[in-house]
């Protein structure tokens, strides 16, 4: 399926599901971390794991995980080797309550930044088409609000979420139908709705056991994985709004969550595009936006290198910029191949952005 091709919305079916929102193809997969969990266990993980030093993933732990092998059709088969991989996102990080609270703080901050940008703008901007055509600004915010609400339900009432999920018939029809839930609402109403959903999600996450498994559309994930996915979605779809309306925002150290996500989705990026996972290690060195700190993942001796600003790196791995429209230094054929398919969200291959769509460095 391709973005922009819509089936006839099944309004009657949707009305029976008491959760408002617009869904995007990526979203049913974005926080759908089971795909990431498969990938980080897949072909090439031994090399990835050996290339990521524990000191470069902060205080997160290392655990044994079954390696998996993926064939080109997308089916995964288990293989016997056991490797050590960083427990973050796809490999599932174990966080304390205090660490979860900090992650929620960052999610709220990303949300608030987009709200503050949109609040003073005239009503007409809500129907401006974003680079994710045919989505408008309205669609982007409805998308975020709805899935924050779904995530809250999954955390607060896992059994209730599973009943809701199982009531969904055709997935594409579901996606298309919920896109209409923002119709007729003013910008201020949409922001009020979204704010309430973020509050609900944050409160649910703070009440939850930090070690809980959160059900999602096809599998389960850690609480930390779910909140990280929501943060990445907020930032990435916020970028679509910013690009559509020619707004500006200041990059912050919150990008480290997204950069780490992008690094650990390396294997998945190749697998989802039907490509063989390379064996060569890659060094990623990006500069934090608000300090002189360098964030590093990988072996310092690697011949394949991605180096530059954290902002540029995050724009590429969330497919909000073509790598050629950034100032990233990409050295080595493997690194170049990765930057051509990099995808920090799960689901099918994303559409990305065409080269030249944005001025270099914008």
Protein backbone atom coordinates (compact mmCIF):
# COMPACT_ATOMS: atom_id res chain seq x y z
CA UNK A 1 0.00 0.00 0.00
CA UNK A 2 1.16 3.53 -0.62
CA UNK A 3 0.50 6.76 1.19
CA UNK A 4 -2.25 8.69 -0.50
CA UNK A 5 -4.25 5.65 -1.62
CA UNK A 6 -7.28 5.50 0.63
CA UNK A 7 -10.05 2.96 0.75
CA UNK A 8 -13.56 4.10 1.63
CA UNK A 9 -13.60 4.87 5.36
CA UNK A 10 -15.71 2.50 7.37
CA UNK A 11 -17.21 5.10 9.68
CA UNK A 12 -19.70 2.71 11.23
CA UNK A 13 -16.96 0.23 12.17
CA UNK A 14 -14.74 2.96 13.55
CA UNK A 15 -17.52 4.49 15.61
CA UNK A 16 -17.70 1.27 17.59
CA UNK A 17 -14.11 1.75 18.74
CA UNK A 18 -14.10 4.41 21.52
CA UNK A 19 -10.66 5.82 20.73
CA UNK A 20 -10.26 8.97 18.64
CA UNK A 21 -7.49 9.45 16.06
CA UNK A 22 -5.77 9.23 12.71
CA UNK A 23 -3.38 6.37 12.05
CA UNK A 24 -0.40 6.33 9.71
CA UNK A 25 1.03 3.27 7.97
CA UNK A 26 4.29 3.73 9.89
CA UNK A 27 2.57 4.09 13.25
CA UNK A 28 1.00 0.67 13.50
CA UNK A 29 4.58 -0.41 13.09
CA UNK A 30 6.55 2.47 14.58
CA UNK A 31 6.04 1.68 18.20
CA UNK A 32 5.50 -1.86 16.99
CA UNK A 33 8.76 -2.82 18.59
CA UNK A 34 8.32 -6.51 17.99
CA UNK A 35 9.66 -5.81 14.54
CA UNK A 36 12.71 -4.15 16.07
CA UNK A 37 13.05 -7.02 18.50
CA UNK A 38 13.19 -9.44 15.59
CA UNK A 39 15.66 -7.34 13.75
CA UNK A 40 18.16 -6.84 16.48
CA UNK A 41 18.27 -10.57 16.89
CA UNK A 42 18.73 -11.04 13.17
CA UNK A 43 21.59 -11.72 10.80
CA UNK A 44 24.56 -9.52 11.59
CA UNK A 45 23.81 -8.89 15.25
CA UNK A 46 27.07 -10.46 16.38
CA UNK A 47 28.96 -7.76 14.50
CA UNK A 48 26.66 -4.99 15.67
CA UNK A 49 26.89 -6.10 19.28
CA UNK A 50 30.65 -6.33 19.18
CA UNK A 51 30.81 -2.87 17.65
CA UNK A 52 28.76 -1.12 20.32
CA UNK A 53 30.69 -0.53 23.50
CA UNK A 54 28.78 -0.63 26.78
CA UNK A 55 30.17 2.77 27.72
CA UNK A 56 28.40 4.18 24.69
CA UNK A 57 24.95 3.10 25.77
CA UNK A 58 25.03 4.89 29.08
CA UNK A 59 24.11 2.71 32.04
CA UNK A 60 21.99 0.22 30.13
CA UNK A 61 22.64 -3.46 30.71
CA UNK A 62 23.74 -6.27 28.45
CA UNK A 63 21.82 -9.53 28.19
CA UNK A 64 22.06 -12.74 26.17
CA UNK A 65 19.63 -12.78 23.25
CA UNK A 66 18.94 -15.48 20.67
CA UNK A 67 20.35 -14.55 17.30
CA UNK A 68 17.87 -14.74 14.43
CA UNK A 69 18.22 -15.08 10.72
CA UNK A 70 15.96 -13.24 8.28
CA UNK A 71 15.32 -14.33 4.73
CA UNK A 72 14.52 -11.97 1.91
CA UNK A 73 10.79 -12.66 2.10
CA UNK A 74 10.74 -11.13 5.56
CA UNK A 75 10.19 -14.37 7.43
CA UNK A 76 12.38 -14.90 10.46
CA UNK A 77 13.84 -18.17 11.65
CA UNK A 78 15.60 -18.74 14.93
CA UNK A 79 19.20 -19.88 14.91
CA UNK A 80 21.09 -21.28 17.87
CA UNK A 81 23.88 -18.76 18.55
CA UNK A 82 23.55 -16.58 21.63
CA UNK A 83 25.02 -13.08 21.51
CA UNK A 84 25.16 -10.11 23.82
CA UNK A 85 23.30 -7.02 22.73
CA UNK A 86 22.57 -3.65 24.34
CA UNK A 87 19.19 -3.58 26.05
CA UNK A 88 17.78 -0.56 24.32
CA UNK A 89 14.61 -0.31 22.26
CA UNK A 90 14.73 -3.23 19.84
CA UNK A 91 16.64 -5.30 22.37
CA UNK A 92 14.51 -3.88 25.15
CA UNK A 93 16.08 -1.78 27.86
CA UNK A 94 15.43 -2.33 31.56
CA UNK A 95 14.88 1.05 33.20
CA UNK A 96 14.32 2.09 36.76
CA UNK A 97 11.31 4.19 37.79
CA UNK A 98 13.55 7.27 37.90
CA UNK A 99 14.81 6.61 34.35
CA UNK A 100 11.25 6.13 33.10
CA UNK A 101 10.32 9.45 34.73
CA UNK A 102 13.15 11.20 32.90
CA UNK A 103 12.07 9.66 29.61
CA UNK A 104 8.51 10.86 30.21
CA UNK A 105 9.85 14.33 31.03
CA UNK A 106 11.56 14.40 27.63
CA UNK A 107 8.43 13.16 25.87
CA UNK A 108 6.41 15.95 27.48
CA UNK A 109 9.02 18.48 26.44
CA UNK A 110 8.87 17.36 22.80
CA UNK A 111 5.08 17.59 22.89
CA UNK A 112 5.10 21.03 24.49
CA UNK A 113 7.51 22.38 21.92
CA UNK A 114 5.18 21.51 19.03
CA UNK A 115 2.17 22.88 20.91
CA UNK A 116 3.90 26.20 21.52
CA UNK A 117 4.81 26.50 17.85
CA UNK A 118 1.25 25.87 16.68
CA UNK A 119 -0.77 27.73 19.33
CA UNK A 120 -0.36 31.30 18.00
CA UNK A 121 -0.86 30.39 14.33
CA UNK A 122 -4.06 31.13 12.35
CA UNK A 123 -6.62 28.41 11.70
CA UNK A 124 -5.67 28.16 8.02
CA UNK A 125 -2.33 26.50 8.77
CA UNK A 126 -4.07 23.34 9.96
CA UNK A 127 -4.99 22.42 6.39
CA UNK A 128 -1.52 22.99 4.92
CA UNK A 129 -0.16 19.82 3.34
CA UNK A 130 3.05 18.52 4.93
CA UNK A 131 5.95 16.74 3.21
CA UNK A 132 4.21 13.46 4.14
CA UNK A 133 1.62 13.94 1.41
CA UNK A 134 -1.35 13.92 1.51
CA UNK A 135 -1.17 14.50 5.26
CA UNK A 136 -1.96 17.97 6.50
CA UNK A 137 -0.84 19.62 9.73
CA UNK A 138 -4.20 18.54 11.13
CA UNK A 139 -3.52 14.92 10.19
CA UNK A 140 -0.10 14.98 11.86
CA UNK A 141 -1.47 16.17 15.20
CA UNK A 142 -4.49 13.86 15.11
CA UNK A 143 -2.09 11.00 14.41
CA UNK A 144 0.00 11.84 17.47
CA UNK A 145 -2.97 12.43 19.75
CA UNK A 146 -4.69 9.20 18.83
CA UNK A 147 -1.68 6.96 19.29
CA UNK A 148 -0.73 8.60 22.55
CA UNK A 149 -4.22 7.66 23.67
CA UNK A 150 -3.87 4.10 22.40
CA UNK A 151 -0.51 3.80 24.15
CA UNK A 152 -2.09 5.01 27.40
CA UNK A 153 -4.77 2.35 27.12
CA UNK A 154 -2.17 -0.35 26.43
CA UNK A 155 -0.25 0.62 29.57
CA UNK A 156 -3.22 1.24 31.88
CA UNK A 157 -5.43 -1.60 30.73
CA UNK A 158 -3.51 -4.22 28.70
CA UNK A 159 -6.51 -6.55 28.51
CA UNK A 160 -8.74 -3.68 27.38
CA UNK A 161 -6.24 -2.74 24.69
CA UNK A 162 -6.09 -6.34 23.46
CA UNK A 163 -9.89 -6.44 23.16
CA UNK A 164 -9.78 -3.14 21.25
CA UNK A 165 -6.99 -4.39 18.99
CA UNK A 166 -8.76 -7.66 18.30
CA UNK A 167 -11.93 -5.80 17.33
CA UNK A 168 -10.12 -4.20 14.40
CA UNK A 169 -10.97 -5.89 11.14
CA UNK A 170 -9.14 -4.76 8.05
CA UNK A 171 -5.98 -2.97 9.17
CA UNK A 172 -5.82 -0.65 6.16
CA UNK A 173 -9.45 0.30 6.55
CA UNK A 174 -8.75 1.05 10.18
CA UNK A 175 -5.85 3.26 9.19
CA UNK A 176 -7.90 5.10 6.60
CA UNK A 177 -10.99 5.49 8.76
CA UNK A 178 -9.36 7.03 11.78
CA UNK A 179 -7.84 9.69 9.58
CA UNK A 180 -11.24 11.36 9.54
CA UNK A 181 -11.44 11.87 13.28
CA UNK A 182 -9.87 15.30 13.11
CA UNK A 183 -12.45 16.64 10.68
CA UNK A 184 -14.45 19.57 11.95
CA UNK A 185 -12.19 20.25 14.91
CA UNK A 186 -10.43 23.57 15.35
CA UNK A 187 -6.71 23.80 15.92
CA UNK A 188 -7.19 24.67 19.57
CA UNK A 189 -9.50 21.69 20.02
CA UNK A 190 -6.94 19.37 18.50
CA UNK A 191 -4.17 20.71 20.70
CA UNK A 192 -6.38 20.37 23.78
CA UNK A 193 -7.15 16.78 22.82
CA UNK A 194 -3.49 15.97 22.21
CA UNK A 195 -2.43 17.59 25.49
CA UNK A 196 -4.93 15.45 27.35
CA UNK A 197 -3.69 12.28 25.68
CA UNK A 198 -0.05 13.06 26.49
CA UNK A 199 -0.99 13.75 30.11
CA UNK A 200 -2.87 10.47 30.26
CA UNK A 201 0.01 8.55 28.74
CA UNK A 202 2.53 10.13 31.11
CA UNK A 203 0.41 9.41 34.18
CA UNK A 204 -0.17 5.82 33.09
CA UNK A 205 3.54 5.26 32.52
CA UNK A 206 4.44 6.72 35.91
CA UNK A 207 1.92 4.43 37.61
CA UNK A 208 3.12 1.35 35.78
CA UNK A 209 5.77 -1.10 36.87
CA UNK A 210 8.98 -0.10 35.04
CA UNK A 211 9.47 -3.73 34.01
CA UNK A 212 6.01 -4.23 32.49
CA UNK A 213 5.52 -5.52 28.98
CA UNK A 214 3.20 -3.29 26.98
CA UNK A 215 0.98 -5.01 24.39
CA UNK A 216 0.79 -3.48 20.94
CA UNK A 217 -0.72 -4.36 17.60
CA UNK A 218 1.35 -7.45 16.90
CA UNK A 219 3.45 -8.13 19.97
CA UNK A 220 4.64 -6.62 23.25
CA UNK A 221 7.47 -4.29 24.23
CA UNK A 222 9.05 -2.83 27.33
CA UNK A 223 7.60 0.32 28.88
CA UNK A 224 10.81 2.18 28.01
CA UNK A 225 10.49 1.09 24.37
CA UNK A 226 6.94 2.36 24.20
CA UNK A 227 7.77 5.79 25.63
CA UNK A 228 10.85 6.11 23.43
CA UNK A 229 8.78 5.28 20.36
CA UNK A 230 6.25 7.96 21.29
CA UNK A 231 9.03 10.50 21.78
CA UNK A 232 10.53 9.69 18.38
CA UNK A 233 7.11 9.92 16.73
CA UNK A 234 6.45 13.29 18.35
CA UNK A 235 9.76 14.69 17.17
CA UNK A 236 9.52 13.27 13.64
CA UNK A 237 5.93 14.31 12.96
CA UNK A 238 6.67 17.63 14.60
CA UNK A 239 9.41 18.02 12.00
CA UNK A 240 6.82 17.49 9.25
CA UNK A 241 4.77 20.33 10.71
CA UNK A 242 7.82 22.57 11.01
CA UNK A 243 8.83 21.89 7.41
CA UNK A 244 5.32 22.51 6.08
CA UNK A 245 4.96 25.85 7.87
CA UNK A 246 8.61 26.96 7.55
CA UNK A 247 9.00 27.20 11.30
CA UNK A 248 12.15 26.91 13.39
CA UNK A 249 12.96 25.01 16.56
CA UNK A 250 16.15 24.60 18.54
CA UNK A 251 17.62 21.10 18.62
CA UNK A 252 18.19 19.69 22.11
CA UNK A 253 19.95 16.79 23.79
CA UNK A 254 16.66 14.88 23.62
CA UNK A 255 17.85 13.87 20.18
CA UNK A 256 20.08 11.29 21.87
CA UNK A 257 17.05 9.03 22.31
CA UNK A 258 16.37 9.18 18.58
CA UNK A 259 20.02 8.86 17.56
CA UNK A 260 20.42 5.75 19.72
CA UNK A 261 17.23 4.37 18.24
CA UNK A 262 18.59 4.94 14.74
CA UNK A 263 21.87 3.18 15.51
CA UNK A 264 20.16 0.16 16.99
CA UNK A 265 17.78 -0.08 14.03
CA UNK A 266 20.70 -0.60 11.62
CA UNK A 267 20.03 -4.30 11.09
CA UNK A 268 16.30 -3.70 10.71
CA UNK A 269 16.89 -1.03 8.08
CA UNK A 270 18.59 -3.55 5.80
CA UNK A 271 16.22 -6.42 6.57
CA UNK A 272 13.02 -4.47 5.93
CA UNK A 273 14.35 -3.38 2.53
CA UNK A 274 15.11 -7.00 1.61
CA UNK A 275 18.87 -6.45 1.71
CA UNK A 276 21.63 -8.59 3.15
CA UNK A 277 22.91 -7.31 6.46
CA UNK A 278 26.59 -6.29 6.10
CA UNK A 279 29.28 -7.66 8.36
CA UNK A 280 31.44 -4.53 8.44
CA UNK A 281 31.24 -2.49 11.65
CA UNK A 282 30.18 1.15 11.45
CA UNK A 283 31.27 3.99 13.69
CA UNK A 284 28.70 6.69 14.39
CA UNK A 285 29.98 9.95 15.87
CA UNK A 286 27.52 12.80 16.17
CA UNK A 287 27.77 16.10 17.97
CA UNK A 288 25.17 16.96 20.58
CA UNK A 289 23.22 20.07 19.57
CA UNK A 290 23.44 21.99 22.83
CA UNK A 291 26.87 20.96 24.14
CA UNK A 292 30.26 20.03 22.75
CA UNK A 293 29.67 16.39 23.66
CA UNK A 294 30.26 13.71 21.04
CA UNK A 295 27.87 10.76 21.04
CA UNK A 296 29.61 7.62 19.79
CA UNK A 297 28.42 4.17 18.88
CA UNK A 298 30.68 1.56 17.32
CA UNK A 299 34.35 0.75 16.94
CA UNK A 300 36.78 3.66 16.70
CA UNK A 301 38.83 1.70 14.14
CA UNK A 302 35.91 1.03 11.79
CA UNK A 303 36.50 1.91 8.15
CA UNK A 304 32.83 2.79 7.72
CA UNK A 305 31.92 6.02 9.47
CA UNK A 306 28.92 8.32 9.83
CA UNK A 307 29.91 11.62 11.38
CA UNK A 308 28.22 14.99 11.78
CA UNK A 309 25.53 16.71 13.79
CA UNK A 310 23.05 14.73 15.83
CA UNK A 311 20.28 16.73 14.18
CA UNK A 312 21.29 15.67 10.68
CA UNK A 313 21.65 12.06 11.77
CA UNK A 314 18.19 12.04 13.37
CA UNK A 315 16.63 13.66 10.31
CA UNK A 316 18.06 10.88 8.14
CA UNK A 317 17.18 7.89 10.35
CA UNK A 318 13.60 9.16 10.75
CA UNK A 319 13.52 9.70 6.96
CA UNK A 320 12.81 13.42 7.25
CA UNK A 321 15.82 14.31 5.06
CA UNK A 322 17.71 12.65 2.23
CA UNK A 323 21.28 12.14 3.40
CA UNK A 324 22.57 14.22 0.46
CA UNK A 325 20.65 17.21 1.83
CA UNK A 326 22.54 17.08 5.13
CA UNK A 327 26.12 17.78 6.13
CA UNK A 328 26.78 14.25 7.34
CA UNK A 329 30.15 12.78 6.42
CA UNK A 330 29.50 9.21 5.30
CA UNK A 331 32.62 7.17 4.66
CA UNK A 332 32.66 3.61 3.30
CA UNK A 333 30.28 1.66 1.10
CA UNK A 334 28.51 -0.04 4.00
CA UNK A 335 27.86 3.25 5.77
CA UNK A 336 26.59 4.78 2.52
CA UNK A 337 24.27 1.83 1.96
CA UNK A 338 22.91 2.17 5.50
CA UNK A 339 22.22 5.88 5.16
CA UNK A 340 20.28 5.13 2.00
CA UNK A 341 17.85 2.84 3.82
CA UNK A 342 18.11 3.97 7.46
CA UNK A 343 14.77 3.65 9.25
CA UNK A 344 14.29 4.20 12.98
CA UNK A 345 10.63 3.19 12.87
CA UNK A 346 9.25 -0.30 12.33
CA UNK A 347 6.76 -1.32 9.69
CA UNK A 348 7.29 -1.50 5.92
CA UNK A 349 9.97 0.55 4.17
CA UNK A 350 9.28 4.25 4.57
CA UNK A 351 8.92 6.70 1.69
CA UNK A 352 11.65 9.02 2.91
CA UNK A 353 12.40 12.33 1.23
CA UNK A 354 13.70 12.90 -2.27
CA UNK A 355 17.12 14.45 -2.75
CA UNK A 356 16.90 18.19 -3.21
CA UNK A 357 13.52 18.45 -1.46
CA UNK A 358 15.12 20.70 1.16
CA UNK A 359 18.08 23.09 1.00
CA UNK A 360 21.23 21.47 2.32
CA UNK A 361 21.58 21.95 6.04
CA UNK A 362 17.98 23.15 6.51
